[in-house]
C-alpha atoms as a PDB file:
ATOM      1  CA  MET A   1     -14.414 -22.463 -18.660  1.00  0.00           C
ATOM      2  CA  VAL A   2     -16.434 -19.455 -16.866  1.00  0.00           C
ATOM      3  CA  SER A   3     -18.224 -17.087 -19.492  1.00  0.00           C
ATOM      4  CA  ASN A   4     -20.761 -15.574 -16.714  1.00  0.00           C
ATOM      5  CA  LYS A   5     -19.826 -11.908 -16.796  1.00  0.00           C
ATOM      6  CA  THR A   6     -20.736 -11.801 -12.761  1.00  0.00           C
ATOM      7  CA  THR A   7     -17.714 -14.118 -12.224  1.00  0.00           C
ATOM      8  CA  LEU A   8     -14.593 -12.987 -11.584  1.00  0.00           C
ATOM      9  CA  LEU A   9     -11.120 -14.182 -11.186  1.00  0.00           C
ATOM     10  CA  VAL A  10      -8.743 -11.588  -9.257  1.00  0.00           C
ATOM     11  CA  LEU A  11      -5.226 -12.123  -9.786  1.00  0.00           C
ATOM     12  CA  GLY A  12      -3.204 -11.441  -6.181  1.00  0.00           C
ATOM     13  CA  ALA A  13      -3.800 -11.459  -2.413  1.00  0.00           C
ATOM     14  CA  GLY A  14      -1.960  -8.418  -2.087  1.00  0.00           C
ATOM     15  CA  VAL A  15      -3.676  -5.306  -0.502  1.00  0.00           C
ATOM     16  CA  SER A  16      -4.982  -4.197  -3.990  1.00  0.00           C
ATOM     17  CA  GLY A  17      -6.335  -7.842  -4.924  1.00  0.00           C
ATOM     18  CA  LEU A  18      -7.961  -8.150  -1.369  1.00  0.00           C
ATOM     19  CA  SER A  19      -9.742  -4.408  -0.985  1.00  0.00           C
ATOM     20  CA  SER A  20     -11.055  -5.084  -4.952  1.00  0.00           C
ATOM     21  CA  GLY A  21     -12.196  -8.494  -4.098  1.00  0.00           C
ATOM     22  CA  ILE A  22     -13.850  -6.759  -1.397  1.00  0.00           C
ATOM     23  CA  LEU A  23     -15.883  -4.027  -3.202  1.00  0.00           C
ATOM     24  CA  LEU A  24     -16.365  -6.364  -5.939  1.00  0.00           C
ATOM     25  CA  LEU A  25     -18.198  -9.086  -3.719  1.00  0.00           C
ATOM     26  CA  LYS A  26     -20.098  -6.163  -2.023  1.00  0.00           C
ATOM     27  CA  ALA A  27     -21.460  -4.780  -5.483  1.00  0.00           C
ATOM     28  CA  GLY A  28     -22.604  -8.936  -6.117  1.00  0.00           C
ATOM     29  CA  TYR A  29     -20.211 -10.390  -7.724  1.00  0.00           C
ATOM     30  CA  LYS A  30     -18.613 -14.069  -7.323  1.00  0.00           C
ATOM     31  CA  VAL A  31     -14.889 -13.646  -6.579  1.00  0.00           C
ATOM     32  CA  THR A  32     -11.948 -15.842  -7.293  1.00  0.00           C
ATOM     33  CA  ILE A  33      -8.577 -14.901  -6.419  1.00  0.00           C
ATOM     34  CA  TRP A  34      -5.649 -17.090  -7.332  1.00  0.00           C
ATOM     35  CA  ALA A  35      -2.222 -15.667  -5.623  1.00  0.00           C
ATOM     36  CA  LYS A  36       0.837 -16.917  -5.627  1.00  0.00           C
ATOM     37  CA  ASP A  37       1.538 -15.540  -1.940  1.00  0.00           C
ATOM     38  CA  LEU A  38      -1.158 -15.430   0.608  1.00  0.00           C
ATOM     39  CA  PRO A  39      -1.266 -13.407   3.949  1.00  0.00           C
ATOM     40  CA  PRO A  40       0.752 -13.413   5.825  1.00  0.00           C
ATOM     41  CA  ASN A  41       3.544 -13.605   2.964  1.00  0.00           C
ATOM     42  CA  THR A  42       2.645 -11.186   0.850  1.00  0.00           C
ATOM     43  CA  THR A  43       4.657  -7.928   0.045  1.00  0.00           C
ATOM     44  CA  SER A  44       1.277  -6.023   1.515  1.00  0.00           C
ATOM     45  CA  ASP A  45       2.614  -7.732   5.050  1.00  0.00           C
ATOM     46  CA  LYS A  46       5.938  -6.184   5.309  1.00  0.00           C
ATOM     47  CA  ALA A  47       4.388  -2.584   4.839  1.00  0.00           C
ATOM     48  CA  ALA A  48       4.537  -0.106   7.350  1.00  0.00           C
ATOM     49  CA  ALA A  49       1.101   1.282   5.955  1.00  0.00           C
ATOM     50  CA  PHE A  50       0.583   4.343   7.095  1.00  0.00           C
ATOM     51  CA  TRP A  51      -2.293   6.275   5.015  1.00  0.00           C
ATOM     52  CA  TYR A  52       0.105   8.860   2.860  1.00  0.00           C
ATOM     53  CA  PRO A  53       0.459   9.387  -0.913  1.00  0.00           C
ATOM     54  CA  TYR A  54       4.296   8.378  -1.499  1.00  0.00           C
ATOM     55  CA  LEU A  55       6.364   7.360  -4.600  1.00  0.00           C
ATOM     56  CA  CYS A  56       2.612   7.307  -7.032  1.00  0.00           C
ATOM     57  CA  ASN A  57       1.964   9.021  -9.872  1.00  0.00           C
ATOM     58  CA  PRO A  58      -0.585  10.543 -11.640  1.00  0.00           C
ATOM     59  CA  ARG A  59      -0.610  12.744  -8.810  1.00  0.00           C
ATOM     60  CA  ASP A  60      -4.199  14.006 -10.022  1.00  0.00           C
ATOM     61  CA  LYS A  61      -5.858  10.687  -9.929  1.00  0.00           C
ATOM     62  CA  ALA A  62      -3.811   9.670  -6.842  1.00  0.00           C
ATOM     63  CA  VAL A  63      -5.294  12.526  -4.613  1.00  0.00           C
ATOM     64  CA  VAL A  64      -8.831  11.348  -6.108  1.00  0.00           C
ATOM     65  CA  TRP A  65      -7.836   7.008  -5.051  1.00  0.00           C
ATOM     66  CA  SER A  66      -6.210   8.343  -1.720  1.00  0.00           C
ATOM     67  CA  LYS A  67      -9.285  10.933  -0.913  1.00  0.00           C
ATOM     68  CA  PHE A  68     -12.035   7.953  -1.046  1.00  0.00           C
ATOM     69  CA  THR A  69      -9.277   5.502   0.613  1.00  0.00           C
ATOM     70  CA  LEU A  70      -9.215   7.755   3.612  1.00  0.00           C
ATOM     71  CA  GLU A  71     -12.761   8.020   3.860  1.00  0.00           C
ATOM     72  CA  TYR A  72     -13.517   4.210   3.646  1.00  0.00           C
ATOM     73  CA  LEU A  73     -10.996   3.513   6.078  1.00  0.00           C
ATOM     74  CA  LYS A  74     -12.304   6.125   8.346  1.00  0.00           C
ATOM     75  CA  LYS A  75     -16.440   4.823   7.798  1.00  0.00           C
ATOM     76  CA  HIS A  76     -15.405   0.405   7.715  1.00  0.00           C
ATOM     77  CA  ALA A  77     -11.811  -0.309   9.593  1.00  0.00           C
ATOM     78  CA  ILE A  78     -11.293   2.436  12.141  1.00  0.00           C
ATOM     79  CA  ASP A  79     -14.108   1.632  15.092  1.00  0.00           C
ATOM     80  CA  ASP A  80     -12.973  -2.088  14.263  1.00  0.00           C
ATOM     81  CA  PRO A  81     -11.032  -3.471  16.735  1.00  0.00           C
ATOM     82  CA  LEU A  82     -10.187  -6.552  14.337  1.00  0.00           C
ATOM     83  CA  SER A  83      -8.859  -4.262  11.710  1.00  0.00           C
ATOM     84  CA  GLY A  84      -5.504  -3.095  13.351  1.00  0.00           C
ATOM     85  CA  CYS A  85      -6.677   0.702  12.094  1.00  0.00           C
ATOM     86  CA  SER A  86      -6.407   3.740  14.029  1.00  0.00           C
ATOM     87  CA  MET A  87      -5.500   7.932  13.545  1.00  0.00           C
ATOM     88  CA  ARG A  88      -2.590   8.894  14.437  1.00  0.00           C
ATOM     89  CA  THR A  89      -1.115  12.207  13.913  1.00  0.00           C
ATOM     90  CA  MET A  90       1.849  12.202  10.982  1.00  0.00           C
ATOM     91  CA  ILE A  91       4.567  15.088  10.962  1.00  0.00           C
ATOM     92  CA  GLU A  92       6.814  15.008   7.268  1.00  0.00           C
ATOM     93  CA  VAL A  93       9.583  17.408   8.531  1.00  0.00           C
ATOM     94  CA  PHE A  94      11.734  19.430   5.391  1.00  0.00           C
ATOM     95  CA  ASP A  95      15.339  21.518   5.463  1.00  0.00           C
ATOM     96  CA  HIS A  96      13.708  24.691   4.238  1.00  0.00           C
ATOM     97  CA  LYS A  97       9.959  26.542   3.676  1.00  0.00           C
ATOM     98  CA  VAL A  98       7.686  24.718   1.533  1.00  0.00           C
ATOM     99  CA  ASP A  99       4.575  24.992  -0.565  1.00  0.00           C
ATOM    100  CA  GLU A 100       1.093  23.680  -0.140  1.00  0.00           C
ATOM    101  CA  PRO A 101       1.397  19.475  -0.428  1.00  0.00           C
ATOM    102  CA  TRP A 102       0.291  18.408  -3.466  1.00  0.00           C
ATOM    103  CA  TRP A 103      -1.974  15.376  -1.955  1.00  0.00           C
ATOM    104  CA  GLN A 104      -3.940  18.733   0.374  1.00  0.00           C
ATOM    105  CA  GLU A 105      -7.281  18.165  -1.664  1.00  0.00           C
ATOM    106  CA  ALA A 106      -7.096  14.557  -0.287  1.00  0.00           C
ATOM    107  CA  VAL A 107      -7.766  15.497   3.847  1.00  0.00           C
ATOM    108  CA  GLU A 108     -10.151  17.900   5.213  1.00  0.00           C
ATOM    109  CA  SER A 109      -7.297  19.429   6.735  1.00  0.00           C
ATOM    110  CA  TYR A 110      -3.552  19.973   7.629  1.00  0.00           C
ATOM    111  CA  LYS A 111      -1.264  21.759   9.410  1.00  0.00           C
ATOM    112  CA  ARG A 112       2.186  23.303   9.634  1.00  0.00           C
ATOM    113  CA  PRO A 113       4.193  22.115  12.875  1.00  0.00           C
ATOM    114  CA  ILE A 114       5.547  24.863  15.053  1.00  0.00           C
ATOM    115  CA  LEU A 115       9.282  25.178  15.513  1.00  0.00           C
ATOM    116  CA  GLU A 116       9.051  23.314  18.477  1.00  0.00           C
ATOM    117  CA  GLU A 117       7.372  20.622  17.266  1.00  0.00           C
ATOM    118  CA  LEU A 118      10.216  19.582  14.610  1.00  0.00           C
ATOM    119  CA  PRO A 119      13.330  17.693  14.958  1.00  0.00           C
ATOM    120  CA  ASP A 120      16.693  19.371  15.346  1.00  0.00           C
ATOM    121  CA  GLY A 121      17.965  20.527  11.970  1.00  0.00           C
ATOM    122  CA  TYR A 122      14.086  21.042  10.562  1.00  0.00           C
ATOM    123  CA  MET A 123      12.323  24.174   9.445  1.00  0.00           C
ATOM    124  CA  ASP A 124       9.612  23.634   8.038  1.00  0.00           C
ATOM    125  CA  GLY A 125       6.800  20.307   7.580  1.00  0.00           C
ATOM    126  CA  TYR A 126       3.117  19.012   7.410  1.00  0.00           C
ATOM    127  CA  LYS A 127       1.066  17.932   9.869  1.00  0.00           C
ATOM    128  CA  VAL A 128      -1.963  15.661   9.222  1.00  0.00           C
ATOM    129  CA  GLU A 129      -3.813  13.185  10.779  1.00  0.00           C
ATOM    130  CA  ALA A 130      -4.719  10.033   8.884  1.00  0.00           C
ATOM    131  CA  PRO A 131      -4.777   6.298   9.586  1.00  0.00           C
ATOM    132  CA  LEU A 132      -1.956   3.906  10.179  1.00  0.00           C
ATOM    133  CA  MET A 133      -2.981   0.285   8.860  1.00  0.00           C
ATOM    134  CA  ASP A 134      -1.287  -2.449  11.254  1.00  0.00           C
ATOM    135  CA  THR A 135      -0.530  -5.087   8.570  1.00  0.00           C
ATOM    136  CA  SER A 136      -0.056  -7.475  11.233  1.00  0.00           C
ATOM    137  CA  LYS A 137      -3.445  -7.159  11.774  1.00  0.00           C
ATOM    138  CA  TYR A 138      -5.178  -5.019   8.946  1.00  0.00           C
ATOM    139  CA  MET A 139      -4.099  -8.197   6.144  1.00  0.00           C
ATOM    140  CA  GLU A 140      -5.771 -10.636   7.982  1.00  0.00           C
ATOM    141  CA  TRP A 141      -8.800  -8.357   8.425  1.00  0.00           C
ATOM    142  CA  LEU A 142      -9.143  -7.695   4.615  1.00  0.00           C
ATOM    143  CA  LEU A 143      -8.626 -11.821   3.975  1.00  0.00           C
ATOM    144  CA  GLY A 144     -11.218 -12.278   6.767  1.00  0.00           C
ATOM    145  CA  SER A 145     -13.664 -10.024   5.289  1.00  0.00           C
ATOM    146  CA  TYR A 146     -13.157 -10.984   1.826  1.00  0.00           C
ATOM    147  CA  THR A 147     -14.075 -14.722   2.711  1.00  0.00           C
ATOM    148  CA  SER A 148     -16.680 -13.854   5.234  1.00  0.00           C
ATOM    149  CA  LEU A 149     -17.980 -11.994   1.840  1.00  0.00           C
ATOM    150  CA  GLY A 150     -18.128 -15.537   0.203  1.00  0.00           C
ATOM    151  CA  GLY A 151     -15.284 -15.011  -1.740  1.00  0.00           C
ATOM    152  CA  THR A 152     -12.784 -17.752  -2.592  1.00  0.00           C
ATOM    153  CA  ILE A 153      -8.947 -17.568  -2.612  1.00  0.00           C
ATOM    154  CA  GLN A 154      -6.360 -20.318  -3.596  1.00  0.00           C
ATOM    155  CA  GLU A 155      -2.948 -20.249  -3.737  1.00  0.00           C
ATOM    156  CA  ARG A 156      -1.892 -20.665  -7.289  1.00  0.00           C
ATOM    157  CA  TYR A 157       1.102 -19.341  -9.463  1.00  0.00           C
ATOM    158  CA  ILE A 158       0.203 -18.730 -13.649  1.00  0.00           C
ATOM    159  CA  ALA A 159       3.040 -17.062 -15.769  1.00  0.00           C
ATOM    160  CA  SER A 160       0.751 -15.450 -18.405  1.00  0.00           C
ATOM    161  CA  ILE A 161      -2.706 -13.809 -18.330  1.00  0.00           C
ATOM    162  CA  ASP A 162      -3.673 -16.561 -21.034  1.00  0.00           C
ATOM    163  CA  GLU A 163      -3.902 -19.422 -17.954  1.00  0.00           C
ATOM    164  CA  ALA A 164      -6.264 -17.104 -15.976  1.00  0.00           C
ATOM    165  CA  HIS A 165      -8.231 -16.164 -19.530  1.00  0.00           C
ATOM    166  CA  MET A 166      -8.100 -20.150 -20.095  1.00  0.00           C
ATOM    167  CA  GLU A 167     -10.876 -20.282 -17.407  1.00  0.00           C
ATOM    168  CA  TYR A 168     -12.142 -16.972 -16.589  1.00  0.00           C
ATOM    169  CA  ASP A 169     -13.480 -14.207 -19.412  1.00  0.00           C
ATOM    170  CA  THR A 170     -12.814 -11.530 -16.926  1.00  0.00           C
ATOM    171  CA  VAL A 171      -9.566 -11.048 -15.065  1.00  0.00           C
ATOM    172  CA  ILE A 172      -8.655  -8.072 -12.249  1.00  0.00           C
ATOM    173  CA  ASN A 173      -4.658  -8.083 -12.078  1.00  0.00           C
ATOM    174  CA  CYS A 174      -3.673  -7.360  -9.174  1.00  0.00           C
ATOM    175  CA  THR A 175      -0.360  -8.414  -9.071  1.00  0.00           C
ATOM    176  CA  GLY A 176       2.108  -5.999  -8.705  1.00  0.00           C
ATOM    177  CA  LEU A 177       5.739  -6.757  -9.889  1.00  0.00           C
ATOM    178  CA  GLY A 178       4.253 -10.120 -10.944  1.00  0.00           C
ATOM    179  CA  SER A 179       2.809  -8.108 -14.039  1.00  0.00           C
ATOM    180  CA  ILE A 180       6.498  -8.179 -15.414  1.00  0.00           C
ATOM    181  CA  GLU A 181       6.375 -11.964 -16.103  1.00  0.00           C
ATOM    182  CA  LEU A 182       2.323 -12.122 -16.134  1.00  0.00           C
ATOM    183  CA  VAL A 183       1.526  -9.424 -19.070  1.00  0.00           C
ATOM    184  CA  ASN A 184       5.300  -8.467 -19.701  1.00  0.00           C
ATOM    185  CA  ASP A 185       5.397  -4.869 -18.252  1.00  0.00           C
ATOM    186  CA  ASN A 186       8.411  -3.796 -18.674  1.00  0.00           C
ATOM    187  CA  SER A 187       7.971  -0.435 -17.289  1.00  0.00           C
ATOM    188  CA  LEU A 188       7.504  -1.971 -13.756  1.00  0.00           C
ATOM    189  CA  TYR A 189      10.761  -2.182 -11.983  1.00  0.00           C
ATOM    190  CA  PRO A 190      11.528  -2.999  -7.798  1.00  0.00           C
ATOM    191  CA  VAL A 191      11.953  -0.219  -5.223  1.00  0.00           C
ATOM    192  CA  ARG A 192      13.722  -2.112  -2.173  1.00  0.00           C
ATOM    193  CA  GLY A 193      12.565  -1.211   1.490  1.00  0.00           C
ATOM    194  CA  GLN A 194      13.959  -2.492   4.632  1.00  0.00           C
ATOM    195  CA  VAL A 195      12.954  -1.485   8.006  1.00  0.00           C
ATOM    196  CA  VAL A 196      13.116  -2.228  11.287  1.00  0.00           C
ATOM    197  CA  VAL A 197      10.745  -3.551  13.656  1.00  0.00           C
ATOM    198  CA  VAL A 198      11.555  -2.393  17.421  1.00  0.00           C
ATOM    199  CA  LYS A 199      10.039  -2.751  20.738  1.00  0.00           C
ATOM    200  CA  PRO A 200       7.227   0.296  21.639  1.00  0.00           C
ATOM    201  CA  ASN A 201       9.073   2.851  23.775  1.00  0.00           C
ATOM    202  CA  GLY A 202       6.113   5.263  24.241  1.00  0.00           C
ATOM    203  CA  LEU A 203       6.180   7.227  21.022  1.00  0.00           C
ATOM    204  CA  THR A 204       2.689   7.644  19.500  1.00  0.00           C
ATOM    205  CA  GLN A 205       3.721  10.080  16.384  1.00  0.00           C
ATOM    206  CA  ILE A 206       4.722   9.198  13.552  1.00  0.00           C
ATOM    207  CA  THR A 207       7.475  11.162  11.966  1.00  0.00           C
ATOM    208  CA  ALA A 208       8.737  10.949   8.185  1.00  0.00           C
ATOM    209  CA  ASP A 209      11.714  12.487   6.725  1.00  0.00           C
ATOM    210  CA  ASP A 210      11.190  11.747   2.926  1.00  0.00           C
ATOM    211  CA  GLU A 211      13.571  14.835   0.984  1.00  0.00           C
ATOM    212  CA  ALA A 212      15.440  16.456   3.726  1.00  0.00           C
ATOM    213  CA  HIS A 213      18.879  15.384   5.255  1.00  0.00           C
ATOM    214  CA  ASN A 214      17.883  12.307   6.979  1.00  0.00           C
ATOM    215  CA  ASN A 215      15.792  10.514   3.639  1.00  0.00           C
ATOM    216  CA  LEU A 216      14.679   8.163   3.632  1.00  0.00           C
ATOM    217  CA  ALA A 217      13.648   7.750   7.543  1.00  0.00           C
ATOM    218  CA  TYR A 218      10.262   7.288   8.986  1.00  0.00           C
ATOM    219  CA  ILE A 219       9.446   6.642  12.473  1.00  0.00           C
ATOM    220  CA  ILE A 220       5.473   4.689  12.530  1.00  0.00           C
ATOM    221  CA  PRO A 221       4.559   3.661  16.268  1.00  0.00           C
ATOM    222  CA  ARG A 222       1.979   0.746  16.141  1.00  0.00           C
ATOM    223  CA  GLU A 223      -0.058  -1.245  18.776  1.00  0.00           C
ATOM    224  CA  THR A 224       2.796  -3.746  20.071  1.00  0.00           C
ATOM    225  CA  ASP A 225       6.112  -1.982  18.232  1.00  0.00           C
ATOM    226  CA  ILE A 226       7.528   0.920  16.356  1.00  0.00           C
ATOM    227  CA  VAL A 227       8.415  -0.074  12.731  1.00  0.00           C
ATOM    228  CA  LEU A 228      11.745   2.367  11.888  1.00  0.00           C
ATOM    229  CA  GLY A 229      12.621   2.653   7.835  1.00  0.00           C
ATOM    230  CA  GLY A 230      13.537   2.766   5.092  1.00  0.00           C
ATOM    231  CA  THR A 231      14.833   2.452   2.066  1.00  0.00           C
ATOM    232  CA  ALA A 232      14.009   3.265  -1.290  1.00  0.00           C
ATOM    233  CA  GLN A 233      16.760   1.199  -3.988  1.00  0.00           C
ATOM    234  CA  VAL A 234      14.990   1.746  -7.225  1.00  0.00           C
ATOM    235  CA  GLY A 235      15.704  -1.451  -9.480  1.00  0.00           C
ATOM    236  CA  ASP A 236      17.293  -3.406  -6.356  1.00  0.00           C
ATOM    237  CA  TRP A 237      15.768  -6.906  -6.535  1.00  0.00           C
ATOM    238  CA  ASN A 238      17.818  -7.873  -3.121  1.00  0.00           C
ATOM    239  CA  LEU A 239      15.355  -9.693  -0.566  1.00  0.00           C
ATOM    240  CA  GLU A 240      17.838 -10.422   1.771  1.00  0.00           C
ATOM    241  CA  VAL A 241      18.166  -7.934   4.956  1.00  0.00           C
ATOM    242  CA  ASP A 242      21.158  -6.090   5.072  1.00  0.00           C
ATOM    243  CA  PRO A 243      23.210  -4.875   8.124  1.00  0.00           C
ATOM    244  CA  LYS A 244      24.294  -1.731   6.710  1.00  0.00           C
ATOM    245  CA  ASP A 245      20.697  -0.714   5.937  1.00  0.00           C
ATOM    246  CA  THR A 246      19.883  -1.309   9.567  1.00  0.00           C
ATOM    247  CA  GLU A 247      22.678   0.368  10.803  1.00  0.00           C
ATOM    248  CA  GLU A 248      21.956   3.674   8.612  1.00  0.00           C
ATOM    249  CA  ILE A 249      18.196   2.895   9.628  1.00  0.00           C
ATOM    250  CA  LEU A 250      18.333   3.142  13.325  1.00  0.00           C
ATOM    251  CA  GLN A 251      21.120   5.661  13.071  1.00  0.00           C
ATOM    252  CA  LYS A 252      18.263   8.470  11.040  1.00  0.00           C
ATOM    253  CA  ALA A 253      15.762   7.074  13.255  1.00  0.00           C
ATOM    254  CA  LYS A 254      17.861   8.803  16.699  1.00  0.00           C
ATOM    255  CA  LEU A 255      18.321  11.924  14.800  1.00  0.00           C
ATOM    256  CA  LEU A 256      14.454  12.243  14.132  1.00  0.00           C
ATOM    257  CA  ALA A 257      13.653  10.934  17.637  1.00  0.00           C
ATOM    258  CA  PRO A 258      16.358  11.002  20.329  1.00  0.00           C
ATOM    259  CA  SER A 259      14.320   8.399  22.482  1.00  0.00           C
ATOM    260  CA  LEU A 260      15.551   5.792  19.891  1.00  0.00           C
ATOM    261  CA  ASP A 261      18.927   6.067  21.150  1.00  0.00           C
ATOM    262  CA  LYS A 262      18.524   2.668  22.710  1.00  0.00           C
ATOM    263  CA  VAL A 263      16.233   0.351  20.742  1.00  0.00           C
ATOM    264  CA  THR A 264      15.697  -3.514  21.385  1.00  0.00           C
ATOM    265  CA  ILE A 265      15.246  -5.032  17.315  1.00  0.00           C
ATOM    266  CA  ILE A 266      12.040  -7.680  16.511  1.00  0.00           C
ATOM    267  CA  GLU A 267      12.455  -7.863  13.021  1.00  0.00           C
ATOM    268  CA  GLU A 268      13.932  -6.581  10.195  1.00  0.00           C
ATOM    269  CA  LYS A 269      12.185  -7.417   7.114  1.00  0.00           C
ATOM    270  CA  VAL A 270      12.399  -6.444   3.425  1.00  0.00           C
ATOM    271  CA  GLY A 271      10.030  -5.886   0.672  1.00  0.00           C
ATOM    272  CA  LEU A 272       9.859  -4.580  -3.161  1.00  0.00           C
ATOM    273  CA  ARG A 273       7.566  -1.956  -3.991  1.00  0.00           C
ATOM    274  CA  PRO A 274       5.972  -2.042  -7.722  1.00  0.00           C
ATOM    275  CA  GLY A 275       7.500   1.033  -9.110  1.00  0.00           C
ATOM    276  CA  ARG A 276       6.139   2.468 -12.320  1.00  0.00           C
ATOM    277  CA  TYR A 277       6.332   5.908 -14.166  1.00  0.00           C
ATOM    278  CA  LYS A 278       2.434   5.708 -13.278  1.00  0.00           C
ATOM    279  CA  VAL A 279      -0.122   3.435 -11.606  1.00  0.00           C
ATOM    280  CA  ARG A 280      -1.853   1.544 -14.154  1.00  0.00           C
ATOM    281  CA  LEU A 281      -5.621   1.132 -13.748  1.00  0.00           C
ATOM    282  CA  GLU A 282      -7.355   0.442 -17.154  1.00  0.00           C
ATOM    283  CA  ALA A 283      -9.435  -1.829 -18.533  1.00  0.00           C
ATOM    284  CA  GLU A 284      -8.175  -4.259 -21.776  1.00  0.00           C
ATOM    285  CA  ASN A 285      -9.769  -6.013 -23.930  1.00  0.00           C
ATOM    286  CA  ILE A 286      -7.398  -9.714 -25.351  1.00  0.00           C
ATOM    287  CA  ALA A 287      -8.882 -11.594 -27.543  1.00  0.00           C
ATOM    288  CA  GLY A 288     -12.676 -11.018 -26.617  1.00  0.00           C
ATOM    289  CA  LYS A 289     -10.985 -11.381 -22.932  1.00  0.00           C
ATOM    290  CA  THR A 290     -11.279  -8.305 -20.187  1.00  0.00           C
ATOM    291  CA  VAL A 291      -8.232  -7.890 -18.015  1.00  0.00           C
ATOM    292  CA  VAL A 292      -8.844  -4.762 -15.868  1.00  0.00           C
ATOM    293  CA  HIS A 293      -4.936  -3.865 -14.508  1.00  0.00           C
ATOM    294  CA  ASN A 294      -4.526  -2.370 -11.377  1.00  0.00           C
ATOM    295  CA  TYR A 295      -1.054  -2.271 -10.505  1.00  0.00           C
ATOM    296  CA  GLY A 296       2.569  -0.172 -10.097  1.00  0.00           C
ATOM    297  CA  HIS A 297       1.455   1.499  -7.122  1.00  0.00           C
ATOM    298  CA  GLY A 298       4.754   2.165  -5.543  1.00  0.00           C
ATOM    299  CA  GLY A 299       5.112   3.003  -1.760  1.00  0.00           C
ATOM    300  CA  ALA A 300       1.605   3.914  -1.920  1.00  0.00           C
ATOM    301  CA  GLY A 301      -0.386   0.569  -2.274  1.00  0.00           C
ATOM    302  CA  PHE A 302      -2.492   1.493   0.793  1.00  0.00           C
ATOM    303  CA  THR A 303      -3.117   4.676   0.704  1.00  0.00           C
ATOM    304  CA  LEU A 304      -4.815   4.182  -2.568  1.00  0.00           C
ATOM    305  CA  SER A 305      -6.024   0.823  -2.328  1.00  0.00           C
ATOM    306  CA  TRP A 306      -9.673   1.586  -1.800  1.00  0.00           C
ATOM    307  CA  GLY A 307     -10.122   4.014  -4.003  1.00  0.00           C
ATOM    308  CA  CYS A 308      -8.259   1.993  -7.090  1.00  0.00           C
ATOM    309  CA  ALA A 309     -10.726  -0.996  -5.934  1.00  0.00           C
ATOM    310  CA  HIS A 310     -13.927   1.502  -6.769  1.00  0.00           C
ATOM    311  CA  GLU A 311     -12.385   2.480  -9.749  1.00  0.00           C
ATOM    312  CA  VAL A 312     -11.879  -1.035 -10.433  1.00  0.00           C
ATOM    313  CA  LEU A 313     -15.526  -1.718  -9.754  1.00  0.00           C
ATOM    314  CA  CYS A 314     -15.912   1.072 -12.043  1.00  0.00           C
ATOM    315  CA  LEU A 315     -14.574  -0.180 -15.070  1.00  0.00           C
ATOM    316  CA  ILE A 316     -16.329  -3.837 -13.817  1.00  0.00           C
ATOM    317  CA  GLN A 317     -19.710  -2.391 -13.792  1.00  0.00           C
ATOM    318  CA  THR A 318     -19.350  -0.197 -17.421  1.00  0.00           C
ATOM    319  CA  GLN A 319     -17.997  -3.959 -19.349  1.00  0.00           C
ATOM    320  CA  THR A 320     -21.111  -5.997 -17.363  1.00  0.00           C
ATOM    321  CA  ARG A 321     -23.419  -3.410 -18.638  1.00  0.00           C
ATOM    322  CA  ASN A 322     -22.016  -2.718 -22.193  1.00  0.00           C
ATOM    323  CA  SER A 323     -21.490  -6.860 -22.705  1.00  0.00           C
END
């Protein structure tokens, strides 16, 4: 049993668990991670991972968290060749004229693309410079950063938060959909995402249709491939690749970028986003023990990651001072 308030257990080794672990280690805490899956086998490893607040609430907090993440990545990851992070131009496209984006306070600036910059059939959009996190490198970079700071990690499955509290007084819960079982949170639900990874063809701009006639469609060129998506199938637990989804993804990609008329498929992947009516980020007292929950990020786990990790740290520091 670990009763020292500066020795912590993080549950989950996806982007939220690793980011939280890193900031806690930097603040002087001793951190161990337990996780059912470790990189490269986490849900986070399957993500396209471009900075963009997608499928997440509450919006007022999401703006703060995503702004913190954007600034953190610019300061700590963009210039590190091992991180897999790079600044890219992204255009989200619409069928109609749109108002100011709800996330505008999270960025220094954004633009409206001119009509010539939009794919055929679209009328308006948002154009922003933001980080792309190539998960084939970024997750490994996170894991390396965590262990180099002295963090330990163990592949270990538990079915109840009580199992963690048998050994640790303070636990940070970053288990995503695992929290359905772990803490009996039935407000969580899967949002199935399938992507198709294809060989690069020279495209560098990220394009996304979230609400218009080709939704959900996105094109995310990375260093050695292009990720084409996607699906957002609520309540679907199927982790198998669906050939019909692949066909639809490729068809929509061609409509966004005609240069993708002929592609060479490298891989098809499926992941389950942890949907919830809002992100759960709060401290809870369970029989005198502390658990800080950090899950339910929807489609914005990477976008919110460092901002949420910073709030986890603040909650832990408050708990430490008050103990």
